[in-house]
Amino acid sequence: MYTVKEVSKLLDLTEHTVRFYTDKGLVPSLQRDKNNNRVFNDASIHWLTGAKRLKKSGMSVEDIKKYVDLCLEGGSTIQERYEMIQKQKEAVLAELEEVKLMAEFITNKEKHYRDIINEVIPDDTNPVNWGKDKVTNTSCPLAEGEMPDKK
């Protein structure tokens, strides 16, 4: 049996998160000792590990609770659990594509600065220095002549 503190270290979760997950019903195998303190067995660790991974994938606590409840209902819920996982997979893959675009942007920006530092190109990164006749830094959206909407 493990304490909240031991589980938090074991799973790299805060003690607060461990308590929160148990309070939300994400650990159906949770037990209590004679002093009403939470104690965790191996099954509890498995439930917490699953909850942690689903949360890291972006699933809401409410959806994780629904998933846990479906697991407890048994094999008749396989299709519904599959659909939940498939939906989360699509969300994760969409987020991955967005992160890839951000990585490409920041990589290009870093290369641009490296070229300036190495005096391959002049410094065109400061909008204060941009003139109408000057070719500007195309790695910045404002460089394309579009000003942000004033609101």
Protein backbone atom coordinates (compact mmCIF):
# COMPACT_ATOMS: atom_id res chain seq x y z
CA MET A 1 0.00 0.00 0.00
CA TYR A 2 1.17 3.49 -0.86
CA THR A 3 0.45 6.90 0.65
CA VAL A 4 -0.50 10.00 -1.34
CA LYS A 5 3.06 11.26 -0.94
CA GLU A 6 4.58 8.01 -2.20
CA VAL A 7 2.20 7.84 -5.16
CA SER A 8 2.89 11.44 -6.09
CA LYS A 9 6.63 10.72 -6.25
CA LEU A 10 6.14 7.41 -8.03
CA LEU A 11 3.95 8.92 -10.76
CA ASP A 12 5.50 12.40 -10.86
CA LEU A 13 2.23 14.06 -9.91
CA THR A 14 1.67 16.63 -7.22
CA GLU A 15 -0.01 15.45 -4.04
CA HIS A 16 -2.78 17.90 -4.84
CA THR A 17 -3.33 16.25 -8.24
CA VAL A 18 -3.43 12.77 -6.68
CA ARG A 19 -6.06 13.95 -4.21
CA PHE A 20 -7.99 15.80 -6.92
CA TYR A 21 -8.09 12.73 -9.18
CA THR A 22 -9.29 10.55 -6.32
CA ASP A 23 -11.92 13.11 -5.31
CA LYS A 24 -13.19 13.14 -8.92
CA GLY A 25 -13.64 9.37 -8.88
CA LEU A 26 -10.82 8.52 -11.27
CA VAL A 27 -9.45 5.83 -8.93
CA PRO A 28 -12.29 3.44 -8.20
CA SER A 29 -10.00 1.02 -6.34
CA LEU A 30 -8.98 3.68 -3.81
CA GLN A 31 -9.01 2.53 -0.22
CA ARG A 32 -8.85 4.36 3.10
CA ASP A 33 -6.95 3.45 6.22
CA LYS A 34 -8.32 3.54 9.78
CA ASN A 35 -7.63 7.30 9.90
CA ASN A 36 -9.50 7.84 6.62
CA ASN A 37 -6.26 8.60 4.74
CA ARG A 38 -6.10 7.54 1.12
CA VAL A 39 -4.05 4.40 0.51
CA PHE A 40 -3.22 3.03 -2.89
CA ASN A 41 -2.64 -0.54 -4.06
CA ASP A 42 -1.28 -1.62 -7.45
CA ALA A 43 -4.72 -1.34 -9.07
CA SER A 44 -5.00 2.24 -7.81
CA ILE A 45 -1.60 3.02 -9.32
CA HIS A 46 -2.82 1.65 -12.67
CA TRP A 47 -5.96 3.82 -12.57
CA LEU A 48 -3.89 6.91 -11.70
CA THR A 49 -1.36 6.13 -14.43
CA GLY A 50 -4.17 5.85 -16.98
CA ALA A 51 -5.77 9.08 -15.78
CA LYS A 52 -2.42 10.88 -15.96
CA ARG A 53 -1.80 9.73 -19.52
CA LEU A 54 -5.30 10.60 -20.70
CA LYS A 55 -5.00 14.03 -19.07
CA LYS A 56 -1.62 14.61 -20.75
CA SER A 57 -3.28 13.77 -24.06
CA GLY A 58 -5.64 16.68 -23.43
CA MET A 59 -8.69 14.76 -22.26
CA SER A 60 -10.81 16.61 -19.71
CA VAL A 61 -11.24 15.27 -16.20
CA GLU A 62 -14.95 14.88 -16.92
CA ASP A 63 -14.24 12.71 -19.97
CA ILE A 64 -11.67 10.69 -18.02
CA LYS A 65 -14.34 10.06 -15.38
CA LYS A 66 -16.74 8.93 -18.10
CA TYR A 67 -14.02 6.64 -19.47
CA VAL A 68 -13.38 5.17 -15.99
CA ASP A 69 -17.11 4.59 -15.51
CA LEU A 70 -17.31 2.86 -18.88
CA CYS A 71 -14.35 0.64 -17.97
CA LEU A 72 -16.15 -0.37 -14.79
CA GLU A 73 -19.24 -1.31 -16.82
CA GLY A 74 -17.17 -3.84 -18.72
CA GLY A 75 -16.89 -5.19 -22.23
CA SER A 76 -20.22 -3.88 -23.44
CA THR A 77 -18.66 -0.38 -23.51
CA ILE A 78 -15.67 -1.21 -25.72
CA GLN A 79 -17.11 0.63 -28.74
CA GLU A 80 -17.87 3.77 -26.74
CA ARG A 81 -14.40 3.75 -25.15
CA TYR A 82 -12.84 3.23 -28.57
CA GLU A 83 -14.74 6.25 -29.92
CA MET A 84 -13.54 8.39 -26.99
CA ILE A 85 -9.93 7.36 -27.63
CA GLN A 86 -10.29 7.91 -31.38
CA LYS A 87 -11.69 11.41 -30.80
CA GLN A 88 -8.81 12.23 -28.44
CA LYS A 89 -6.30 10.86 -30.95
CA GLU A 90 -7.68 13.23 -33.60
CA ALA A 91 -7.34 16.18 -31.20
CA VAL A 92 -3.76 15.21 -30.30
CA LEU A 93 -2.78 14.84 -33.97
CA ALA A 94 -4.29 18.25 -34.79
CA GLU A 95 -2.31 19.77 -31.91
CA LEU A 96 0.82 18.03 -33.18
CA GLU A 97 0.39 19.66 -36.59
CA GLU A 98 0.04 23.06 -34.92
CA VAL A 99 3.18 22.45 -32.86
CA LYS A 100 5.05 21.44 -36.03
CA LEU A 101 4.09 24.78 -37.62
CA MET A 102 5.25 26.66 -34.52
CA ALA A 103 8.53 24.72 -34.56
CA GLU A 104 9.06 25.60 -38.21
CA PHE A 105 8.32 29.28 -37.52
CA ILE A 106 10.70 29.52 -34.56
CA THR A 107 13.41 27.58 -36.41
CA ASN A 108 13.18 30.06 -39.31
CA LYS A 109 13.21 32.97 -36.88
CA GLU A 110 16.30 31.57 -35.12
CA LYS A 111 18.07 31.11 -38.49
CA HIS A 112 17.17 34.69 -39.45
CA TYR A 113 18.74 36.02 -36.23
CA ARG A 114 21.80 33.81 -36.73
CA ASP A 115 22.23 35.29 -40.23
CA ILE A 116 22.03 38.79 -38.76
CA ILE A 117 24.56 37.95 -36.04
CA ASN A 118 26.90 36.42 -38.64
CA GLU A 119 26.43 39.57 -40.78
CA VAL A 120 24.99 37.58 -43.69
CA ILE A 121 22.01 39.97 -43.78
CA PRO A 122 21.30 43.34 -42.18
CA ASP A 123 19.16 43.61 -39.05
CA ASP A 124 15.58 43.98 -40.22
CA THR A 125 13.90 42.64 -37.10
CA ASN A 126 13.04 45.92 -35.38
CA PRO A 127 9.83 47.55 -36.68
CA VAL A 128 11.17 50.95 -35.57
CA ASN A 129 13.69 50.72 -38.42
CA TRP A 130 11.27 49.64 -41.12
CA GLY A 131 10.78 52.09 -43.93
CA LYS A 132 8.29 52.00 -46.78
CA ASP A 133 11.02 51.61 -49.40
CA LYS A 134 13.03 49.07 -47.46
CA VAL A 135 12.61 45.32 -47.90
CA THR A 136 11.51 44.04 -44.55
CA ASN A 137 11.78 40.85 -42.57
CA THR A 138 9.30 38.39 -44.04
CA SER A 139 9.50 36.16 -40.98
CA CYS A 140 7.34 38.73 -39.18
CA PRO A 141 3.65 39.10 -40.15
CA LEU A 142 3.84 42.89 -39.83
CA ALA A 143 6.61 42.95 -42.41
CA GLU A 144 4.15 42.16 -45.18
CA GLY A 145 2.60 45.60 -44.91
CA GLU A 146 -0.45 44.56 -42.98
CA MET A 147 -1.11 46.35 -39.75
CA PRO A 148 -3.14 44.68 -37.05
CA ASP A 149 -6.77 45.73 -36.79
CA LYS A 150 -7.29 48.59 -34.38
CA LYS A 151 -10.03 47.82 -31.92
